[in-house]
């Protein structure tokens, strides 16, 4: 009997805190040895010249999510997780959207049905709370949190999703008692409605004006208000997809006051600006997302947030729609106003290469910061106890990276269900050449080699146990 199923030899391991050369021994899906000259394996993988990194964890993706009448997301679970794996990821966290009046367990059953035996990599669900009824707050949520659904999301914008301050406080109170973590999409809905009406009245209806309807102040105000509500209840919170300095500084001030407020930013806020929407006609719809990309000064602020630890999470906010499709970015009424263009852009496959290239290769962040921002911090923040690091006992979720490989991002070479990438033509240095899930290759040398049923749903521990938390999920 051999000592290992697989040994990865001669690679350079990087964790969130250190970088060193060593071999990795894998047995029964787990990392069981890290050392020198490991042998006696069924398979030996030569990682000479490669980085051995924990598989990426993208904790902010939208997959097969209802998006309004006649609108269909471009990715199902098979295509989204395939694209994620090619991008060096081994875990994604999509959202389970509760419709108005719908029991959350019913929504979860639907999502599990869509995901079961259709995922190339592992996954878990955040719960979007759109209807915090008495039954949801008093019965469903505490029970679901105890079952391992330990992260919730609330919206401060969008019709049928925006909650009042009172409703947000009620959700936060349940999270405080049950040990859940709450994400918030921070934009002021009433301010956006006011601006949209004014822009339309003045005839400014093209995709470019989507960005003008959501200026920085709209996000900054909502970020301040969300943090204030979290402080009132004394609960942890993640402010997702932060796009600018003003909102980042709100988070920094909260952290300096000792509040457990986490910040997240995304690739679009590092390499895109609102000018990408300008003078493109309907082509600008390809870049419509909320919050919108800002300007070069905001890009620099987001880099500072990553470098200085204000942002501990880097996610894609993958929300894919096909551009040339009436069920995607161009529904029949999209040309009458930007308000009808579905919000969201694809990015699950390009998240890690963009941050590696723009961050590590260009010297903005260290390799260890890259690992923390894209994997380790996600595992710690969301209660994934055996993910996120190359360590003995952890799942052997590993990405092999060629730090010198150069590539050009182009739609023709990507694997998502959308028909475009907003990052078309971006030059990349550093690329994931293989991805392993629990010790088995999912992608290798540009090919899909794993079966789609390999990915599993993972229940999670309560990341911040509250006064009444009882979850012991792993």
Protein backbone atom coordinates (compact mmCIF):
# COMPACT_ATOMS: atom_id res chain seq x y z
CA UNK A 1 0.00 0.00 0.00
CA UNK A 2 1.37 3.39 -0.97
CA UNK A 3 1.73 6.20 1.54
CA UNK A 4 -0.02 8.80 -0.63
CA UNK A 5 -2.56 8.99 -3.40
CA UNK A 6 -0.72 11.97 -4.86
CA UNK A 7 2.45 13.89 -4.14
CA UNK A 8 3.07 17.37 -5.55
CA UNK A 9 6.85 17.75 -5.76
CA UNK A 10 9.30 20.62 -6.23
CA UNK A 11 6.72 23.42 -6.02
CA UNK A 12 6.72 26.63 -4.00
CA UNK A 13 3.96 26.67 -1.39
CA UNK A 14 2.40 29.98 -0.39
CA UNK A 15 0.03 30.56 2.48
CA UNK A 16 -1.33 33.79 3.92
CA UNK A 17 1.77 34.13 6.09
CA UNK A 18 4.72 32.33 4.50
CA UNK A 19 6.29 31.09 1.27
CA UNK A 20 8.59 28.06 1.08
CA UNK A 21 9.62 25.12 -1.08
CA UNK A 22 8.19 21.75 -0.06
CA UNK A 23 6.34 18.70 -1.33
CA UNK A 24 2.68 18.07 -0.54
CA UNK A 25 1.37 14.58 0.23
CA UNK A 26 -2.33 13.87 -0.33
CA UNK A 27 -4.32 10.91 0.95
CA UNK A 28 -8.09 10.37 0.73
CA UNK A 29 -8.76 13.95 -0.32
CA UNK A 30 -6.78 15.57 2.50
CA UNK A 31 -3.33 17.08 2.85
CA UNK A 32 -1.53 14.64 5.15
CA UNK A 33 2.11 15.62 4.77
CA UNK A 34 4.21 18.66 3.89
CA UNK A 35 7.94 18.04 3.69
CA UNK A 36 10.98 17.26 1.59
CA UNK A 37 11.45 14.40 -0.85
CA UNK A 38 8.02 12.83 -0.34
CA UNK A 39 7.69 9.64 -2.39
CA UNK A 40 5.66 6.43 -2.47
CA UNK A 41 2.59 7.83 -4.23
CA UNK A 42 0.19 6.53 -6.83
CA UNK A 43 0.78 9.74 -8.78
CA UNK A 44 3.61 12.26 -8.60
CA UNK A 45 2.99 15.74 -9.96
CA UNK A 46 6.08 17.74 -10.93
CA UNK A 47 5.45 21.36 -9.89
CA UNK A 48 8.92 22.67 -10.73
CA UNK A 49 8.64 26.42 -11.36
CA UNK A 50 5.04 26.50 -10.16
CA UNK A 51 3.33 28.00 -7.14
CA UNK A 52 1.25 25.64 -4.98
CA UNK A 53 -1.62 27.75 -3.65
CA UNK A 54 -4.88 26.97 -1.88
CA UNK A 55 -7.75 26.92 -4.34
CA UNK A 56 -9.54 30.21 -4.64
CA UNK A 57 -12.72 30.78 -2.67
CA UNK A 58 -15.09 33.21 -4.37
CA UNK A 59 -17.59 34.16 -1.69
CA UNK A 60 -19.69 36.47 -3.86
CA UNK A 61 -21.22 34.92 -6.98
CA UNK A 62 -24.70 34.83 -8.49
CA UNK A 63 -25.62 31.61 -10.30
CA UNK A 64 -28.99 30.70 -11.86
CA UNK A 65 -30.62 33.42 -9.76
CA UNK A 66 -34.05 34.79 -10.75
CA UNK A 67 -33.47 38.23 -12.26
CA UNK A 68 -36.87 39.57 -13.24
CA UNK A 69 -39.53 38.75 -15.84
CA UNK A 70 -38.00 37.48 -19.06
CA UNK A 71 -34.41 37.77 -17.82
CA UNK A 72 -32.20 34.67 -17.53
CA UNK A 73 -28.71 34.47 -16.08
CA UNK A 74 -26.07 33.21 -18.47
CA UNK A 75 -24.64 30.59 -16.11
CA UNK A 76 -26.13 27.53 -14.51
CA UNK A 77 -24.17 25.69 -11.82
CA UNK A 78 -22.34 23.49 -14.30
CA UNK A 79 -21.02 26.32 -16.47
CA UNK A 80 -20.29 28.69 -13.57
CA UNK A 81 -18.33 26.16 -11.55
CA UNK A 82 -16.49 24.99 -14.66
CA UNK A 83 -15.40 28.56 -15.34
CA UNK A 84 -14.49 29.01 -11.68
CA UNK A 85 -12.26 25.93 -11.75
CA UNK A 86 -10.42 27.13 -14.86
CA UNK A 87 -9.82 30.37 -12.97
CA UNK A 88 -8.08 28.60 -10.08
CA UNK A 89 -11.07 28.33 -7.74
CA UNK A 90 -12.18 25.31 -5.74
CA UNK A 91 -15.11 26.85 -3.85
CA UNK A 92 -17.90 29.30 -4.67
CA UNK A 93 -20.60 30.82 -2.51
CA UNK A 94 -23.69 31.73 -4.57
CA UNK A 95 -26.84 33.33 -3.22
CA UNK A 96 -30.16 31.73 -2.47
CA UNK A 97 -32.75 34.42 -3.18
CA UNK A 98 -35.93 34.38 -1.14
CA UNK A 99 -38.88 35.75 -3.12
CA UNK A 100 -41.52 37.83 -1.41
CA UNK A 101 -43.78 35.56 0.60
CA UNK A 102 -41.62 32.50 0.00
CA UNK A 103 -40.36 30.30 2.84
CA UNK A 104 -36.56 30.28 2.74
CA UNK A 105 -36.43 26.49 2.96
CA UNK A 106 -38.48 26.29 -0.22
CA UNK A 107 -36.00 28.59 -1.99
CA UNK A 108 -33.11 26.51 -0.66
CA UNK A 109 -34.68 23.31 -1.89
CA UNK A 110 -34.89 24.82 -5.38
CA UNK A 111 -31.25 25.93 -5.33
CA UNK A 112 -30.01 22.60 -4.02
CA UNK A 113 -31.87 20.87 -6.84
CA UNK A 114 -30.15 23.12 -9.39
CA UNK A 115 -26.72 22.59 -7.84
CA UNK A 116 -26.79 18.91 -6.86
CA UNK A 117 -24.56 16.80 -9.13
CA UNK A 118 -23.95 19.81 -11.36
CA UNK A 119 -20.90 21.39 -9.70
CA UNK A 120 -17.27 20.91 -10.65
CA UNK A 121 -16.15 22.43 -7.35
CA UNK A 122 -17.56 22.74 -3.81
CA UNK A 123 -20.15 25.31 -2.84
CA UNK A 124 -22.25 26.77 -0.08
CA UNK A 125 -25.12 29.27 -0.02
CA UNK A 126 -25.67 32.73 1.40
CA UNK A 127 -29.33 33.52 2.15
CA UNK A 128 -30.76 36.72 0.64
CA UNK A 129 -33.47 37.95 2.99
CA UNK A 130 -36.06 39.77 0.91
CA UNK A 131 -39.09 39.20 3.16
CA UNK A 132 -38.18 39.21 6.88
CA UNK A 133 -41.60 38.15 8.12
CA UNK A 134 -42.33 37.14 11.67
CA UNK A 135 -42.07 33.48 10.73
CA UNK A 136 -38.76 34.00 8.93
CA UNK A 137 -37.21 35.98 11.78
CA UNK A 138 -38.59 33.91 14.61
CA UNK A 139 -38.42 30.39 13.22
CA UNK A 140 -36.80 29.85 9.84
CA UNK A 141 -33.62 31.86 10.16
CA UNK A 142 -32.50 30.60 13.59
CA UNK A 143 -33.10 27.01 12.48
CA UNK A 144 -31.31 27.45 9.16
CA UNK A 145 -28.34 29.14 10.78
CA UNK A 146 -28.07 26.21 13.20
CA UNK A 147 -28.13 23.91 10.15
CA UNK A 148 -25.02 25.58 8.73
CA UNK A 149 -26.45 28.36 6.55
CA UNK A 150 -24.50 30.91 8.53
CA UNK A 151 -24.37 33.97 6.27
CA UNK A 152 -27.20 36.29 5.28
CA UNK A 153 -27.44 39.17 2.84
CA UNK A 154 -29.62 42.25 2.97
CA UNK A 155 -30.09 44.90 0.30
CA UNK A 156 -30.51 48.64 0.73
CA UNK A 157 -31.50 49.04 -2.92
CA UNK A 158 -33.43 47.37 -5.77
CA UNK A 159 -37.18 47.05 -6.00
CA UNK A 160 -38.51 43.97 -4.15
CA UNK A 161 -35.16 43.57 -2.35
CA UNK A 162 -34.54 46.80 -0.46
CA UNK A 163 -35.28 46.51 3.26
CA UNK A 164 -36.14 49.36 5.57
CA UNK A 165 -33.78 50.24 8.39
CA UNK A 166 -36.19 48.57 10.81
CA UNK A 167 -36.17 45.36 8.80
CA UNK A 168 -32.38 45.40 8.56
CA UNK A 169 -32.17 45.83 12.33
CA UNK A 170 -34.49 42.87 12.80
CA UNK A 171 -32.31 40.66 10.59
CA UNK A 172 -29.17 41.87 12.36
CA UNK A 173 -30.72 41.00 15.71
CA UNK A 174 -31.36 37.41 14.58
CA UNK A 175 -27.77 37.20 13.32
CA UNK A 176 -26.52 38.50 16.67
CA UNK A 177 -28.42 35.83 18.59
CA UNK A 178 -27.63 32.99 16.21
CA UNK A 179 -24.00 33.68 15.28
CA UNK A 180 -24.56 34.44 11.60
CA UNK A 181 -22.66 36.98 9.52
CA UNK A 182 -24.61 39.58 7.53
CA UNK A 183 -23.53 40.98 4.18
CA UNK A 184 -24.97 44.29 3.02
CA UNK A 185 -25.34 45.79 -0.44
CA UNK A 186 -24.98 49.45 0.53
CA UNK A 187 -26.64 51.90 -1.86
CA UNK A 188 -29.43 54.33 -1.00
CA UNK A 189 -32.50 53.19 -2.94
CA UNK A 190 -34.51 56.39 -2.59
CA UNK A 191 -31.55 58.49 -3.76
CA UNK A 192 -31.10 56.23 -6.78
CA UNK A 193 -34.80 56.44 -7.66
CA UNK A 194 -34.63 60.24 -7.42
CA UNK A 195 -31.62 60.39 -9.75
CA UNK A 196 -33.00 57.86 -12.23
CA UNK A 197 -36.23 59.85 -12.58
CA UNK A 198 -34.26 63.07 -13.12
CA UNK A 199 -31.92 61.55 -15.69
CA UNK A 200 -34.81 60.06 -17.64
CA UNK A 201 -36.70 63.36 -17.51
CA UNK A 202 -33.67 65.06 -19.06
CA UNK A 203 -33.38 62.41 -21.79
CA UNK A 204 -30.23 60.80 -20.42
CA UNK A 205 -31.18 57.16 -20.85
CA UNK A 206 -28.14 55.36 -22.32
CA UNK A 207 -26.11 52.77 -20.41
CA UNK A 208 -23.49 55.37 -19.44
CA UNK A 209 -26.04 57.12 -17.24
CA UNK A 210 -26.47 54.04 -15.12
CA UNK A 211 -23.21 55.09 -13.46
CA UNK A 212 -24.45 58.66 -13.06
CA UNK A 213 -27.56 57.40 -11.26
CA UNK A 214 -25.39 55.81 -8.58
CA UNK A 215 -22.72 58.35 -7.60
CA UNK A 216 -20.27 57.77 -4.79
CA UNK A 217 -22.34 59.64 -2.22
CA UNK A 218 -25.18 57.14 -2.66
CA UNK A 219 -22.86 54.29 -1.70
CA UNK A 220 -21.01 56.22 1.01
CA UNK A 221 -24.19 57.25 2.81
CA UNK A 222 -25.59 53.73 2.78
CA UNK A 223 -22.27 52.30 3.98
CA UNK A 224 -22.24 54.70 6.93
CA UNK A 225 -25.87 53.88 7.75
CA UNK A 226 -25.34 50.11 7.50
CA UNK A 227 -22.34 50.27 9.81
CA UNK A 228 -24.33 52.37 12.25
CA UNK A 229 -27.10 49.77 12.33
CA UNK A 230 -24.55 47.00 12.89
CA UNK A 231 -22.99 49.00 15.71
CA UNK A 232 -26.40 49.51 17.31
CA UNK A 233 -27.03 45.76 17.38
CA UNK A 234 -23.38 44.86 18.09
CA UNK A 235 -23.06 42.42 15.22
CA UNK A 236 -20.45 41.61 12.58
CA UNK A 237 -21.03 42.73 9.00
CA UNK A 238 -19.46 42.50 5.54
CA UNK A 239 -19.89 45.51 3.28
CA UNK A 240 -19.68 43.95 -0.17
CA UNK A 241 -18.37 45.25 -3.51
CA UNK A 242 -16.98 48.55 -2.23
CA UNK A 243 -15.98 50.82 -5.12
CA UNK A 244 -14.45 54.04 -3.78
CA UNK A 245 -12.40 55.86 -1.13
CA UNK A 246 -15.30 57.45 0.73
CA UNK A 247 -16.99 54.12 1.45
CA UNK A 248 -13.64 52.48 2.19
CA UNK A 249 -12.87 55.17 4.76
CA UNK A 250 -16.22 54.57 6.47
CA UNK A 251 -15.18 50.94 6.92
CA UNK A 252 -11.70 51.92 8.11
CA UNK A 253 -13.13 54.24 10.76
CA UNK A 254 -15.46 51.50 11.98
CA UNK A 255 -12.56 49.05 12.24
CA UNK A 256 -10.50 51.63 14.13
CA UNK A 257 -13.37 51.95 16.62
CA UNK A 258 -13.14 48.21 17.23
CA UNK A 259 -16.19 47.15 15.22
CA UNK A 260 -16.05 43.83 13.34
CA UNK A 261 -16.78 45.26 9.91
CA UNK A 262 -15.26 43.49 6.92
CA UNK A 263 -14.72 45.14 3.54
CA UNK A 264 -14.87 43.46 0.14
CA UNK A 265 -13.93 44.80 -3.27
CA UNK A 266 -13.92 43.30 -6.78
CA UNK A 267 -11.90 43.31 -10.03
CA UNK A 268 -14.16 45.82 -11.78
CA UNK A 269 -13.16 48.47 -9.25
CA UNK A 270 -9.46 47.90 -9.92
CA UNK A 271 -9.31 47.89 -13.72
CA UNK A 272 -12.53 49.46 -15.06
CA UNK A 273 -13.91 53.01 -14.85
CA UNK A 274 -17.22 54.62 -15.71
CA UNK A 275 -15.57 55.88 -18.89
CA UNK A 276 -15.76 52.30 -20.17
CA UNK A 277 -19.50 52.85 -20.53
CA UNK A 278 -19.18 56.15 -22.40
CA UNK A 279 -19.66 56.64 -26.15
CA UNK A 280 -20.41 52.95 -26.69
CA UNK A 281 -24.15 53.11 -27.25
CA UNK A 282 -25.72 49.86 -26.12
CA UNK A 283 -22.24 48.30 -25.87
CA UNK A 284 -22.02 50.14 -22.58
CA UNK A 285 -24.55 47.66 -21.20
CA UNK A 286 -21.70 45.15 -20.98
CA UNK A 287 -20.29 47.16 -18.05
CA UNK A 288 -23.52 47.89 -16.18
CA UNK A 289 -23.22 46.70 -12.59
CA UNK A 290 -23.97 48.13 -9.15
CA UNK A 291 -22.14 49.88 -7.69
CA UNK A 292 -20.68 51.01 -11.03
CA UNK A 293 -16.97 51.34 -11.78
CA UNK A 294 -15.78 54.80 -10.73
CA UNK A 295 -12.62 56.68 -11.75
CA UNK A 296 -8.85 56.28 -11.51
CA UNK A 297 -8.73 57.85 -8.05
CA UNK A 298 -11.27 55.30 -6.83
CA UNK A 299 -9.19 52.51 -8.34
CA UNK A 300 -6.20 53.70 -6.34
CA UNK A 301 -8.32 53.86 -3.19
CA UNK A 302 -9.45 50.26 -3.67
CA UNK A 303 -5.84 49.16 -4.07
CA UNK A 304 -5.02 50.97 -0.83
CA UNK A 305 -7.90 49.16 0.88
CA UNK A 306 -6.44 45.83 -0.21
CA UNK A 307 -2.86 46.74 0.67
CA UNK A 308 -3.73 48.11 4.12
CA UNK A 309 -6.17 45.40 5.16
CA UNK A 310 -9.32 47.53 5.18
CA UNK A 311 -10.59 45.11 2.57
CA UNK A 312 -9.97 41.54 3.71
CA UNK A 313 -12.01 39.93 0.91
CA UNK A 314 -11.59 40.05 -2.86
CA UNK A 315 -14.54 38.54 -4.73
CA UNK A 316 -15.84 38.62 -8.27
CA UNK A 317 -19.53 39.52 -7.80
CA UNK A 318 -19.98 37.24 -10.82
CA UNK A 319 -23.44 38.06 -12.16
CA UNK A 320 -23.48 37.00 -15.82
CA UNK A 321 -25.89 37.92 -18.58
CA UNK A 322 -25.51 37.46 -22.30
CA UNK A 323 -25.09 40.78 -24.11
CA UNK A 324 -26.62 39.88 -27.45
CA UNK A 325 -29.80 38.44 -25.98
CA UNK A 326 -33.28 39.77 -25.21
CA UNK A 327 -33.19 37.61 -22.07
CA UNK A 328 -29.89 39.22 -21.10
CA UNK A 329 -28.48 42.73 -21.40
CA UNK A 330 -30.87 43.79 -24.16
CA UNK A 331 -34.48 43.15 -23.14
CA UNK A 332 -37.05 44.94 -25.33
CA UNK A 333 -37.20 48.05 -23.12
CA UNK A 334 -33.45 48.40 -22.50
CA UNK A 335 -33.04 51.03 -25.22
CA UNK A 336 -35.68 53.23 -23.61
CA UNK A 337 -33.72 53.54 -20.36
CA UNK A 338 -30.70 52.15 -18.58
CA UNK A 339 -33.01 51.25 -15.69
CA UNK A 340 -34.11 48.13 -17.58
CA UNK A 341 -30.62 46.79 -18.25
CA UNK A 342 -29.88 43.84 -15.93
CA UNK A 343 -27.18 44.72 -13.42
CA UNK A 344 -24.14 42.47 -13.37
CA UNK A 345 -21.03 41.34 -15.21
CA UNK A 346 -19.21 37.99 -15.52
CA UNK A 347 -15.98 37.54 -13.58
CA UNK A 348 -15.64 34.26 -11.67
CA UNK A 349 -12.97 32.94 -14.04
CA UNK A 350 -10.99 36.17 -14.34
CA UNK A 351 -10.96 37.28 -10.66
CA UNK A 352 -7.75 35.53 -9.65
CA UNK A 353 -5.69 36.16 -12.81
CA UNK A 354 -6.54 39.88 -12.66
CA UNK A 355 -5.53 40.27 -9.02
CA UNK A 356 -2.39 38.16 -9.48
CA UNK A 357 -1.30 40.09 -12.55
CA UNK A 358 -2.25 43.59 -11.43
CA UNK A 359 -1.36 42.94 -7.80
CA UNK A 360 1.42 40.38 -7.34
CA UNK A 361 3.16 40.65 -10.72
CA UNK A 362 3.16 44.46 -10.60
CA UNK A 363 4.28 44.62 -6.98
CA UNK A 364 1.13 46.17 -5.50
CA UNK A 365 0.55 43.27 -3.09
CA UNK A 366 2.60 40.31 -1.93
CA UNK A 367 1.93 36.70 -2.85
CA UNK A 368 0.89 36.06 0.74
CA UNK A 369 -1.62 38.91 0.61
CA UNK A 370 -2.98 37.41 -2.60
CA UNK A 371 -3.57 34.07 -0.87
CA UNK A 372 -5.25 35.76 2.08
CA UNK A 373 -7.48 37.99 -0.04
CA UNK A 374 -8.62 35.27 -2.42
CA UNK A 375 -8.87 32.17 -0.22
CA UNK A 376 -7.77 32.14 3.43
CA UNK A 377 -9.78 35.14 4.61
CA UNK A 378 -12.90 33.85 2.89
CA UNK A 379 -12.61 30.53 4.71
CA UNK A 380 -12.09 32.24 8.06
CA UNK A 381 -14.82 34.81 7.56
CA UNK A 382 -17.49 32.36 6.45
CA UNK A 383 -16.77 29.38 8.68
CA UNK A 384 -15.11 26.97 6.23
CA UNK A 385 -13.00 25.01 8.68
CA UNK A 386 -11.04 22.79 6.26
CA UNK A 387 -10.57 25.17 3.37
CA UNK A 388 -8.43 28.12 2.42
CA UNK A 389 -4.86 27.10 3.23
CA UNK A 390 -2.17 24.55 2.40
CA UNK A 391 -2.07 22.86 5.81
CA UNK A 392 -2.05 19.31 7.15
CA UNK A 393 -5.60 18.12 7.74
CA UNK A 394 -7.18 20.51 5.26
CA UNK A 395 -8.98 19.42 2.11
CA UNK A 396 -6.51 19.11 -0.74
CA UNK A 397 -8.07 21.99 -2.67
CA UNK A 398 -5.07 23.26 -4.59
CA UNK A 399 -4.32 25.49 -7.55
CA UNK A 400 -1.00 25.25 -9.39
CA UNK A 401 0.08 28.61 -10.79
CA UNK A 402 2.68 29.53 -13.38
CA UNK A 403 3.68 33.00 -12.13
CA UNK A 404 5.43 33.87 -15.40
CA UNK A 405 2.84 32.70 -17.89
CA UNK A 406 1.50 35.53 -20.01
CA UNK A 407 -1.98 35.58 -21.50
CA UNK A 408 -4.55 37.95 -22.91
CA UNK A 409 -8.06 37.84 -21.49
CA UNK A 410 -10.46 37.22 -24.33
CA UNK A 411 -13.94 35.80 -24.53
CA UNK A 412 -12.80 33.05 -26.91
CA UNK A 413 -10.62 31.51 -24.19
CA UNK A 414 -13.07 31.69 -21.28
CA UNK A 415 -15.55 29.08 -20.09
CA UNK A 416 -18.49 30.99 -18.58
CA UNK A 417 -21.96 31.13 -20.11
CA UNK A 418 -21.87 34.83 -21.03
CA UNK A 419 -21.03 35.89 -24.57
CA UNK A 420 -18.48 38.54 -23.59
CA UNK A 421 -15.99 39.55 -20.93
CA UNK A 422 -15.73 43.16 -19.74
CA UNK A 423 -11.97 42.58 -19.46
CA UNK A 424 -11.44 41.82 -23.16
CA UNK A 425 -7.82 42.46 -24.17
CA UNK A 426 -6.39 42.81 -20.67
CA UNK A 427 -2.81 41.51 -20.59
CA UNK A 428 -2.13 39.05 -17.75
CA UNK A 429 1.07 37.76 -16.15
CA UNK A 430 0.49 34.72 -13.93
CA UNK A 431 -2.02 31.97 -14.67
CA UNK A 432 -3.55 28.92 -12.93
CA UNK A 433 -2.47 25.88 -14.93
CA UNK A 434 -4.22 23.20 -12.85
CA UNK A 435 -6.89 22.98 -10.15
CA UNK A 436 -7.40 20.10 -7.71
CA UNK A 437 -10.50 19.48 -5.59
CA UNK A 438 -9.88 17.17 -2.62
CA UNK A 439 -6.79 15.80 -4.33
CA UNK A 440 -8.35 15.15 -7.74
CA UNK A 441 -7.63 17.27 -10.80
CA UNK A 442 -10.59 19.27 -12.11
CA UNK A 443 -8.64 21.22 -14.71
CA UNK A 444 -5.15 20.47 -16.01
CA UNK A 445 -3.17 22.00 -18.83
CA UNK A 446 -6.17 23.89 -20.17
CA UNK A 447 -8.53 20.92 -20.14
CA UNK A 448 -11.43 19.87 -17.95
CA UNK A 449 -10.53 16.48 -16.52
CA UNK A 450 -12.88 16.05 -13.55
CA UNK A 451 -16.47 14.82 -13.48
CA UNK A 452 -19.07 17.47 -12.78
CA UNK A 453 -20.46 15.51 -9.82
CA UNK A 454 -17.22 15.97 -7.83
CA UNK A 455 -18.35 19.25 -6.27
CA UNK A 456 -20.25 19.06 -2.98
CA UNK A 457 -22.39 21.31 -0.84
CA UNK A 458 -20.55 22.23 2.37
CA UNK A 459 -22.33 23.18 5.58
CA UNK A 460 -20.54 25.88 7.58
CA UNK A 461 -19.83 26.73 11.19
CA UNK A 462 -21.13 29.97 12.68
CA UNK A 463 -18.18 32.33 12.09
CA UNK A 464 -19.04 34.65 14.98
CA UNK A 465 -20.98 32.63 17.57
CA UNK A 466 -23.71 34.76 19.09
CA UNK A 467 -25.40 34.53 22.42
CA UNK A 468 -27.68 31.78 21.24
CA UNK A 469 -25.52 30.12 18.57
CA UNK A 470 -25.53 26.33 18.56
CA UNK A 471 -24.23 25.49 15.07
CA UNK A 472 -21.43 22.93 15.01
CA UNK A 473 -21.38 22.41 11.23
CA UNK A 474 -18.00 21.92 9.60
